Amino acid sequence: MGKASRRTRSATSPASIGMPPATQMPPAKRMPAGAQISVVGGRQPCPCGSGKRYKACHGRESREAEGALVARPFEGLPGECDWVALREVVPAATATVRTTAGRGAQEITIATVLPMAWPAMKRTDGAVLVGLQTTAASGDASRDVAVALLAAQAAEPGTPVSPADLPGLSPGPGPRLQDVLDPAGGFDVAVHEGFDFWLEGIDDVTSEVRDSMERANSAVVPTVKVAGVEAAYWCRIGERRHLRWVLSQPEDVLLDAVARLHAAGRTVLTPGSRYVGAFRAHGLIVPVWDLAADDDAADLEGPCAQFAQALGDALAASAPLTDGERRARAGVVSRQVTLR
């Protein structure tokens, strides 16, 4: 922590405001269970009345809460599945969101990746871009992205927000994207062939940023969003083609439904395709298919719509799994997918 921060903390110590040291203070009255505990300096007595210093009592609980893993960080946002896809699956894409009236009702561009892996940036025209595929600072991706967004809003035009620029996370549950974004703003994804969108409308670009863009473009996996269904993405990795589809149903219910379809031979999308398994991402299940060598994203629109209908029927089924379906479920669960 810098010198300025230490001076601030010292200025609010008990001695500086005429209070006796904690060891000489009379016993405090304990606060009732569930009461709101105020935030004070780490060396001050905890307001709960425990007799401990704040940093060893509710201050520690606040720090632990900040680092606690949020299993579904994007739950409650419009397009949760696409948020997860842009965070984990799609290499180059953007979506436009809008902040709440209290946050200026500003349009914000959410991007998979920004130059130099910046968490956010404010362009010279005042436009704010926020990156999703960045290093996590806490156990809550929604919180991390919201902090970067707010930092970019407050930045000077033409300024990137680096990880070192982000303020510390304050105790408590926010701010999170669910607090910052207008739920009526939607989340319509535009997939790009590369990262040229970084430089749209910008004439004065540093060689460092341009080199970063060229390196990123050279590594892009060709990806296309399948029309007609939510969060299904065709991609080509080397000579092989795949479909990765982020689904929002609870894991156990979804795996039962997929097992019913798999046992009935209904997980085949197109001739030559096969269901190969799934992986977890931010609390959601992402099934994966290997596709035929000539399958393009447009070829999947009808089959994906049909599979979505069949999956809905399977999700609604209430009968126990048959022996064959249980075996299929065991096979489905055992498949951990890694695409290279």
Protein backbone atom coordinates (compact mmCIF):
# COMPACT_ATOMS: atom_id res chain seq x y z
CA MET A 1 0.00 0.00 0.00
CA GLY A 2 1.34 3.46 -0.85
CA LYS A 3 2.37 6.18 1.61
CA ALA A 4 -0.82 8.17 1.02
CA SER A 5 -2.94 5.17 2.00
CA ARG A 6 -0.88 4.62 5.20
CA ARG A 7 -1.26 8.28 6.18
CA THR A 8 -5.04 8.04 5.71
CA ARG A 9 -5.27 4.96 7.87
CA SER A 10 -3.08 6.54 10.58
CA ALA A 11 -5.26 9.66 10.61
CA THR A 12 -8.29 7.58 11.56
CA SER A 13 -6.56 5.57 14.31
CA PRO A 14 -8.05 5.74 17.84
CA ALA A 15 -5.23 7.94 19.16
CA SER A 16 -5.61 10.50 16.36
CA ILE A 17 -9.22 11.23 17.25
CA GLY A 18 -8.78 11.31 21.01
CA MET A 19 -9.77 7.72 21.79
CA PRO A 20 -7.77 5.49 24.14
CA PRO A 21 -5.94 2.50 22.67
CA ALA A 22 -8.05 -0.61 22.12
CA THR A 23 -6.47 -2.33 25.13
CA GLN A 24 -7.68 0.50 27.40
CA MET A 25 -11.19 0.83 26.01
CA PRO A 26 -14.12 -0.29 28.12
CA PRO A 27 -15.86 -3.44 26.87
CA ALA A 28 -18.18 -2.66 23.94
CA LYS A 29 -21.75 -3.84 23.84
CA ARG A 30 -22.09 -6.65 21.30
CA MET A 31 -24.34 -5.91 18.37
CA PRO A 32 -27.33 -8.20 17.73
CA ALA A 33 -26.94 -11.01 15.22
CA GLY A 34 -27.59 -9.93 11.64
CA ALA A 35 -26.89 -6.25 12.33
CA GLN A 36 -25.03 -4.22 9.69
CA ILE A 37 -21.36 -3.90 10.68
CA SER A 38 -19.70 -0.61 9.74
CA VAL A 39 -16.34 -0.58 7.94
CA VAL A 40 -13.54 0.89 10.06
CA GLY A 41 -9.74 0.88 10.08
CA GLY A 42 -8.14 -2.53 10.35
CA ARG A 43 -6.53 -1.77 13.75
CA GLN A 44 -9.65 -0.26 15.29
CA PRO A 45 -11.97 -2.29 17.51
CA CYS A 46 -14.56 -4.15 15.47
CA PRO A 47 -17.92 -2.35 15.71
CA CYS A 48 -19.60 -5.68 16.45
CA GLY A 49 -18.34 -5.46 20.05
CA SER A 50 -16.26 -8.63 20.02
CA GLY A 51 -13.26 -6.86 21.50
CA LYS A 52 -11.09 -7.89 18.54
CA ARG A 53 -9.52 -5.58 16.00
CA TYR A 54 -11.60 -5.14 12.86
CA LYS A 55 -9.02 -6.84 10.61
CA ALA A 56 -9.17 -9.98 12.80
CA CYS A 57 -12.96 -10.02 13.02
CA HIS A 58 -15.50 -8.76 10.47
CA GLY A 59 -12.71 -7.28 8.34
CA ARG A 60 -11.46 -10.81 7.76
CA GLU A 61 -14.98 -11.97 6.91
CA SER A 62 -15.25 -9.15 4.35
CA ARG A 63 -11.97 -10.18 2.72
CA GLU A 64 -13.07 -13.80 2.60
CA ALA A 65 -16.40 -12.76 1.06
CA GLU A 66 -14.56 -10.81 -1.65
CA GLY A 67 -12.57 -13.90 -2.63
CA ALA A 68 -15.46 -16.36 -2.45
CA LEU A 69 -16.17 -18.11 -5.73
CA VAL A 70 -19.44 -17.16 -7.41
CA ALA A 71 -20.47 -20.26 -9.35
CA ARG A 72 -22.68 -18.43 -11.89
CA PRO A 73 -21.31 -14.87 -12.03
CA PHE A 74 -23.40 -13.82 -15.05
CA GLU A 75 -26.70 -15.25 -13.79
CA GLY A 76 -29.53 -12.73 -14.07
CA LEU A 77 -27.98 -10.82 -16.97
CA PRO A 78 -29.72 -10.89 -20.37
CA GLY A 79 -27.86 -13.42 -22.50
CA GLU A 80 -26.09 -15.22 -19.65
CA CYS A 81 -25.06 -18.04 -22.00
CA ASP A 82 -23.49 -15.60 -24.46
CA TRP A 83 -21.65 -13.83 -21.64
CA VAL A 84 -20.10 -17.19 -20.76
CA ALA A 85 -19.34 -17.93 -24.42
CA LEU A 86 -17.52 -14.62 -24.90
CA ARG A 87 -15.61 -15.17 -21.68
CA GLU A 88 -14.53 -18.75 -22.44
CA VAL A 89 -15.28 -19.90 -25.99
CA VAL A 90 -15.33 -17.15 -28.62
CA PRO A 91 -12.02 -15.52 -29.62
CA ALA A 92 -13.15 -12.25 -31.24
CA ALA A 93 -16.60 -10.79 -30.64
CA THR A 94 -18.36 -7.74 -29.22
CA ALA A 95 -21.76 -6.92 -27.75
CA THR A 96 -23.29 -3.58 -26.78
CA VAL A 97 -24.83 -3.03 -23.36
CA ARG A 98 -26.14 0.05 -21.57
CA THR A 99 -25.49 1.19 -18.02
CA THR A 100 -28.31 2.14 -15.68
CA ALA A 101 -29.54 5.72 -15.46
CA GLY A 102 -27.60 6.09 -12.22
CA ARG A 103 -24.42 5.15 -14.11
CA GLY A 104 -25.04 7.60 -16.94
CA ALA A 105 -27.16 5.40 -19.26
CA GLN A 106 -24.05 5.02 -21.41
CA GLU A 107 -23.58 2.49 -24.20
CA ILE A 108 -20.64 0.19 -23.45
CA THR A 109 -18.95 -2.25 -25.82
CA ILE A 110 -18.17 -5.60 -24.25
CA ALA A 111 -15.32 -7.33 -26.09
CA THR A 112 -13.72 -10.73 -25.75
CA VAL A 113 -10.19 -9.29 -25.73
CA LEU A 114 -8.71 -5.78 -25.83
CA PRO A 115 -5.19 -4.66 -26.89
CA MET A 116 -2.44 -5.74 -24.50
CA ALA A 117 -5.13 -7.72 -22.58
CA TRP A 118 -6.32 -4.49 -20.95
CA PRO A 119 -9.37 -4.97 -18.73
CA ALA A 120 -10.95 -1.85 -20.25
CA MET A 121 -10.22 1.33 -22.17
CA LYS A 122 -11.75 4.70 -23.00
CA ARG A 123 -11.14 5.73 -26.60
CA THR A 124 -10.45 9.29 -27.65
CA ASP A 125 -14.08 9.69 -28.73
CA GLY A 126 -15.24 8.75 -25.22
CA ALA A 127 -16.41 5.24 -26.15
CA VAL A 128 -15.82 2.66 -23.40
CA LEU A 129 -14.70 -0.88 -24.23
CA VAL A 130 -14.47 -3.62 -21.60
CA GLY A 131 -12.65 -6.94 -22.02
CA LEU A 132 -13.99 -10.24 -20.71
CA GLN A 133 -11.02 -12.56 -21.18
CA THR A 134 -8.83 -11.04 -18.48
CA THR A 135 -7.16 -12.33 -15.34
CA ALA A 136 -9.59 -12.71 -12.45
CA ALA A 137 -9.01 -10.44 -9.45
CA SER A 138 -11.62 -12.08 -7.23
CA GLY A 139 -13.86 -15.11 -7.22
CA ASP A 140 -16.61 -13.19 -9.02
CA ALA A 141 -16.09 -12.49 -12.73
CA SER A 142 -19.12 -10.18 -12.77
CA ARG A 143 -17.57 -8.06 -10.05
CA ASP A 144 -14.19 -7.92 -11.82
CA VAL A 145 -15.71 -6.79 -15.11
CA ALA A 146 -17.94 -4.20 -13.41
CA VAL A 147 -14.96 -2.66 -11.58
CA ALA A 148 -13.06 -2.37 -14.88
CA LEU A 149 -16.11 -0.83 -16.59
CA LEU A 150 -16.52 1.84 -13.90
CA ALA A 151 -12.80 2.61 -13.97
CA ALA A 152 -12.97 3.14 -17.74
CA GLN A 153 -15.98 5.43 -17.39
CA ALA A 154 -13.99 7.61 -14.99
CA ALA A 155 -10.79 7.57 -17.10
CA GLU A 156 -9.62 10.35 -19.36
CA PRO A 157 -10.36 9.88 -23.11
CA GLY A 158 -7.66 7.93 -24.89
CA THR A 159 -6.70 6.06 -21.71
CA PRO A 160 -6.39 2.28 -21.25
CA VAL A 161 -7.24 0.69 -17.92
CA SER A 162 -4.54 -1.76 -16.87
CA PRO A 163 -4.87 -4.29 -14.02
CA ALA A 164 -2.67 -2.01 -11.90
CA ASP A 165 -5.14 0.86 -12.41
CA LEU A 166 -8.11 -0.99 -10.99
CA PRO A 167 -9.20 0.12 -7.52
CA GLY A 168 -9.31 -2.40 -4.71
CA LEU A 169 -12.57 -4.25 -4.30
CA SER A 170 -14.57 -2.74 -1.47
CA PRO A 171 -16.27 -5.01 1.09
CA GLY A 172 -19.78 -6.09 0.28
CA PRO A 173 -21.60 -7.58 -2.68
CA GLY A 174 -21.07 -4.89 -5.31
CA PRO A 175 -20.66 -3.32 -7.67
CA ARG A 176 -21.41 -6.16 -10.06
CA LEU A 177 -22.60 -6.12 -13.66
CA GLN A 178 -26.09 -6.88 -12.37
CA ASP A 179 -25.95 -3.59 -10.42
CA VAL A 180 -24.36 -1.53 -13.19
CA LEU A 181 -26.15 -2.61 -16.40
CA ASP A 182 -29.69 -1.87 -17.54
CA PRO A 183 -31.41 -5.28 -17.94
CA ALA A 184 -33.43 -3.87 -20.85
CA GLY A 185 -30.23 -3.24 -22.80
CA GLY A 186 -29.95 -6.80 -24.14
CA PHE A 187 -26.79 -8.59 -25.25
CA ASP A 188 -26.61 -9.06 -29.02
CA VAL A 189 -23.31 -10.65 -30.04
CA ALA A 190 -21.35 -9.75 -33.18
CA VAL A 191 -18.59 -12.26 -33.99
CA HIS A 192 -15.55 -10.86 -35.84
CA GLU A 193 -12.91 -12.52 -37.99
CA GLY A 194 -10.20 -10.64 -36.09
CA PHE A 195 -9.56 -7.69 -33.83
CA ASP A 196 -9.69 -4.84 -36.33
CA PHE A 197 -12.62 -3.47 -34.32
CA TRP A 198 -10.02 -2.27 -31.80
CA LEU A 199 -8.95 0.44 -34.22
CA GLU A 200 -12.28 1.49 -35.74
CA GLY A 201 -12.38 5.28 -35.98
CA ILE A 202 -8.86 5.67 -34.59
CA ASP A 203 -6.10 7.23 -36.70
CA ASP A 204 -3.34 7.62 -34.13
CA VAL A 205 -2.40 4.07 -33.13
CA THR A 206 0.84 3.16 -31.38
CA SER A 207 3.04 0.48 -32.91
CA GLU A 208 2.66 -1.51 -29.70
CA VAL A 209 -1.12 -1.69 -30.08
CA ARG A 210 -0.91 -2.47 -33.79
CA ASP A 211 1.60 -5.27 -33.14
CA SER A 212 -0.69 -6.64 -30.42
CA MET A 213 -3.59 -6.68 -32.87
CA GLU A 214 -1.59 -8.46 -35.56
CA ARG A 215 -0.44 -11.13 -33.11
CA ALA A 216 -4.00 -11.63 -31.89
CA ASN A 217 -5.37 -11.83 -35.44
CA SER A 218 -2.87 -14.52 -36.36
CA ALA A 219 -4.11 -16.73 -33.50
CA VAL A 220 -7.87 -16.34 -34.05
CA VAL A 221 -9.84 -19.58 -34.33
CA PRO A 222 -12.46 -19.11 -37.07
CA THR A 223 -15.80 -18.95 -35.25
CA VAL A 224 -19.40 -18.31 -36.33
CA LYS A 225 -22.54 -17.94 -34.21
CA VAL A 226 -25.26 -20.37 -35.28
CA ALA A 227 -28.46 -18.50 -36.10
CA GLY A 228 -31.79 -19.44 -34.57
CA VAL A 229 -30.56 -20.70 -31.18
CA GLU A 230 -28.84 -19.07 -28.24
CA ALA A 231 -25.10 -19.30 -27.60
CA ALA A 232 -24.21 -22.04 -30.12
CA TYR A 233 -20.87 -21.43 -31.87
CA TRP A 234 -19.33 -23.27 -34.82
CA CYS A 235 -15.54 -23.21 -34.95
CA ARG A 236 -12.68 -24.67 -36.96
CA ILE A 237 -9.56 -25.77 -35.11
CA GLY A 238 -6.94 -26.95 -37.55
CA GLU A 239 -8.70 -29.25 -40.00
CA ARG A 240 -11.48 -30.19 -37.58
CA ARG A 241 -14.83 -28.50 -37.08
CA HIS A 242 -16.78 -28.37 -33.85
CA LEU A 243 -19.94 -26.98 -32.29
CA ARG A 244 -19.79 -25.59 -28.77
CA TRP A 245 -23.17 -24.75 -27.26
CA VAL A 246 -23.57 -23.03 -23.88
CA LEU A 247 -26.77 -24.15 -22.12
CA SER A 248 -28.35 -22.62 -19.03
CA GLN A 249 -30.31 -25.49 -17.47
CA PRO A 250 -29.18 -26.89 -14.09
CA GLU A 251 -26.43 -29.45 -14.56
CA ASP A 252 -28.12 -32.57 -13.22
CA VAL A 253 -31.38 -31.94 -15.07
CA LEU A 254 -29.53 -31.13 -18.29
CA LEU A 255 -27.32 -34.23 -18.12
CA ASP A 256 -30.39 -36.42 -17.57
CA ALA A 257 -32.01 -34.91 -20.65
CA VAL A 258 -28.89 -35.30 -22.79
CA ALA A 259 -28.60 -38.92 -21.59
CA ARG A 260 -32.18 -39.63 -22.71
CA LEU A 261 -31.40 -38.23 -26.16
CA HIS A 262 -28.02 -39.95 -26.40
CA ALA A 263 -29.49 -43.35 -25.53
CA ALA A 264 -32.08 -42.83 -28.27
CA GLY A 265 -29.42 -41.85 -30.83
CA ARG A 266 -30.77 -38.31 -31.03
CA THR A 267 -27.61 -36.38 -30.23
CA VAL A 268 -26.39 -36.64 -33.84
CA LEU A 269 -26.87 -33.24 -35.45
CA THR A 270 -25.77 -33.88 -39.03
CA PRO A 271 -24.50 -36.94 -40.92
CA GLY A 272 -20.93 -37.52 -39.81
CA SER A 273 -21.27 -35.49 -36.60
CA ARG A 274 -21.11 -36.92 -33.09
CA TYR A 275 -21.63 -35.72 -29.55
CA VAL A 276 -18.26 -35.95 -27.78
CA GLY A 277 -18.93 -34.57 -24.31
CA ALA A 278 -19.14 -31.31 -22.39
CA PHE A 279 -17.22 -28.97 -20.11
CA ARG A 280 -18.25 -26.59 -17.35
CA ALA A 281 -17.82 -22.84 -17.56
CA HIS A 282 -19.02 -20.34 -14.96
CA GLY A 283 -21.64 -22.71 -13.62
CA LEU A 284 -23.04 -23.71 -17.03
CA ILE A 285 -22.61 -26.84 -19.13
CA VAL A 286 -21.14 -26.52 -22.64
CA PRO A 287 -21.83 -29.60 -24.82
CA VAL A 288 -19.45 -30.16 -27.73
CA TRP A 289 -19.93 -31.93 -31.06
CA ASP A 290 -17.39 -33.02 -33.63
CA LEU A 291 -18.71 -32.11 -37.07
CA ALA A 292 -18.24 -33.47 -40.55
CA ALA A 293 -15.38 -31.96 -42.55
CA ASP A 294 -17.76 -29.96 -44.76
CA ASP A 295 -20.22 -28.78 -42.09
CA ASP A 296 -20.50 -24.99 -41.96
CA ALA A 297 -22.40 -22.90 -39.44
CA ALA A 298 -25.31 -22.42 -41.87
CA ASP A 299 -25.68 -26.20 -42.14
CA LEU A 300 -26.37 -26.38 -38.40
CA GLU A 301 -29.28 -23.98 -38.14
CA GLY A 302 -32.03 -26.53 -38.81
CA PRO A 303 -30.39 -29.40 -36.88
CA CYS A 304 -29.73 -27.18 -33.86
CA ALA A 305 -33.33 -25.97 -33.82
CA GLN A 306 -34.50 -29.59 -33.95
CA PHE A 307 -32.14 -30.61 -31.17
CA ALA A 308 -33.32 -27.68 -29.02
CA GLN A 309 -36.90 -28.91 -29.42
CA ALA A 310 -35.95 -32.48 -28.57
CA LEU A 311 -33.95 -31.29 -25.58
CA GLY A 312 -36.95 -29.33 -24.32
CA ASP A 313 -39.08 -32.47 -24.51
CA ALA A 314 -36.40 -34.48 -22.68
CA LEU A 315 -36.12 -31.82 -19.98
CA ALA A 316 -39.86 -32.06 -19.40
CA ALA A 317 -39.76 -35.86 -18.97
CA SER A 318 -40.39 -36.99 -15.39
CA ALA A 319 -39.96 -40.78 -15.65
CA PRO A 320 -36.83 -42.28 -14.03
CA LEU A 321 -33.95 -43.00 -16.39
CA THR A 322 -33.96 -46.47 -17.90
CA ASP A 323 -30.95 -48.76 -17.57
CA GLY A 324 -29.78 -47.73 -21.04
CA GLU A 325 -30.24 -44.05 -20.23
CA ARG A 326 -28.28 -44.43 -16.97
CA ARG A 327 -25.43 -46.04 -18.90
CA ALA A 328 -25.60 -43.21 -21.42
CA ARG A 329 -25.52 -40.68 -18.59
CA ALA A 330 -22.43 -42.30 -17.09
CA GLY A 331 -20.74 -42.04 -20.47
CA VAL A 332 -21.82 -38.43 -20.90
CA VAL A 333 -20.54 -37.45 -17.44
CA SER A 334 -17.19 -39.20 -17.93
CA ARG A 335 -16.31 -37.23 -21.05
CA GLN A 336 -14.20 -34.19 -20.25
CA VAL A 337 -13.62 -32.22 -23.43
CA THR A 338 -10.52 -30.24 -24.37
CA LEU A 339 -10.29 -28.80 -27.89
CA ARG A 340 -6.86 -28.00 -29.32
